[in-house]
């Protein structure tokens, strides 16, 4: 690890010196209405999802100090189709765009599952992009709740504050959540462990459905939820927002504010948020006891964009107190028992950098995050019964070569180092340390109307579990496990017509067993089960095929995605039987709870998703959308 950090530091220093002599390039152009030829004032123009500006009263946009080489440019305006184009800034300094009228954004840029920014239409993998406007107009209690309206995406919820994403029937450690380029690590194996990301700070979300181990390594066999908060502030502007909301069912109230600026490449943004909610109500129970929660979150970034690339420092803190709904009742049917709760704190700092090196781009991303999760059986007590302290160092370094005979290729390495400590009197999983590293190669080429892409990856994960003795009995044994595997994908996107896109992709992914599956020995508050791990578990491997078709017009959008997912060594838990044939019961906390143990089996998951969106013109006020998913 020290050698890796030293190497990244050397690369950083070399590129900072190189940036001093980087050629300064200017890019400008005009954005117009394709039908009338009128200029569009205030149109957004963004390069590589990082550098942004707006058109002036003459429809003119200008960028200074733009890195040379191949980039992707995204031009958008309210009421018009977003335009995405690949450009070579070294050979082009004047670009004009014409946008077509539309009430729905069909096109867009994605950075998920690919080595660099590319258009969603050219990505062979099924990617859904959810923008800020759609998030704001979707009634929800948290960010995952808002995303669960998308085809193929559902949620596992244990109350309005805690939701876990599920893609095509798979979730927990089979799905990776990315936040601003960094893999989110927050004990995601637990039923009542949500995603520690503030929903009001999100600028857009990209959802990849299907194995994505090629770019993200172990665990991304169901897909990726990429949550992006650092939207670029447009050049030479200062902007801010205040957002408040109120929901009647649980009296949820929230207040969010942010302010940011960009002056000659120096840019920053800060935000803060507070959310509080009381117990919610349903038609069966009325008020659901102990479902209240509150959040207090803050964050921001500071950085510089220049002709050499960009360097951003991002910080955030997430703080939540949430009740755990147990549903226990007395003889009269009223809620009874104690009111257990969780207190969660997730702090994160990210160094996100991209350097123009030679004719290509070097990306270096380093991050540290700490997740502290405490569970209290009695909210009046200052001592947590369960307390997890998880620290993770994430790293990523990749180089994207310039276009060579139409091929755009990237190589890279990424992974993490992680340690978990138990700081409460009760223990469910052992203290452990983990080191994860993987190297990948990814390439893409456009031939006529078809875009081909694919690559391969090799990963190694090493996990060490520490011994723990409780009341003179061995609860967790000392062991070390190593898991290695190969991942890959190959696919094609074909523009059969201007309004018809066909996609096909085959991908192989893997998932190393998580620490609870290997070593659990305890009862988890609220789950009503005692779990036993199995150190002999093997890695899950998946092979999935996807076929997608999308048809768009001025009045309708239709998309259909079909898939077949074959998983070997699928890990699941099953109830143990007692000596008398009934349930095996274990005493925990003065009560008997059923015992479960993790095992493995082969499984197949076929399915499809369909979406239809009707928006007839000129009746722009009519908008009917419906989706259907099956696994």
Foldseek 3Di string as FASTA:
>chain_A
DVVVVVVVVVVVVVQVVVVVPADKAKAKEFEAAPPPRQGDFFKWKDKQQAAIAGAHPRRMDMDIQAAFFKIKMWIDDAQWEIDIDIDGRVVHRYDYYHTYGANDHPKDWDPPLAPGIDICLWDQFDKDKFFPVQQVPQDALFQLRSVCQDWQWHWQDQFRVAIWIDGLRDTQLLEWEAEQNHTDDANSNDSRTHGQDGRNQFGMKMWTAAARCQPPNFRPGGTYIYTYRCRYDHEADKDKDWDWDADPQFRKIKIKMKIKGHYQFKIKMKMWMKIWTHFGADPPQGGQPQFTKIKTKIWMKTWGQRNFGIKMKIKMKIWMKGWGRQCDADPVSHDDAATKIKIKMKIKIKIWTWGCDDNKIKTKIKMKMWIWMFIPRHPVDPAGQWIKIKIKIWIKIKMWHGQDVQKIKMKIKIWMKMWMDIDHPDDFFFTKIKTKMKIKMKMWGDDVQKIKIKIKMKMKMKMWGDWDADPNHTQWHTDIDMAIDMKMKIKMWGCPDPFKIKHKMKIKGKHADDRSQAATAADDPSPLEGEGHHNPQHMKMKIKIKIKMWGDDSFKIKIKMWMKMKIFFDKDKDWDADPVGHFDWDDDPNDTGGYIHMGTGIDMRTWMKMKMWGQDPPNNVDIDIDMDIDD
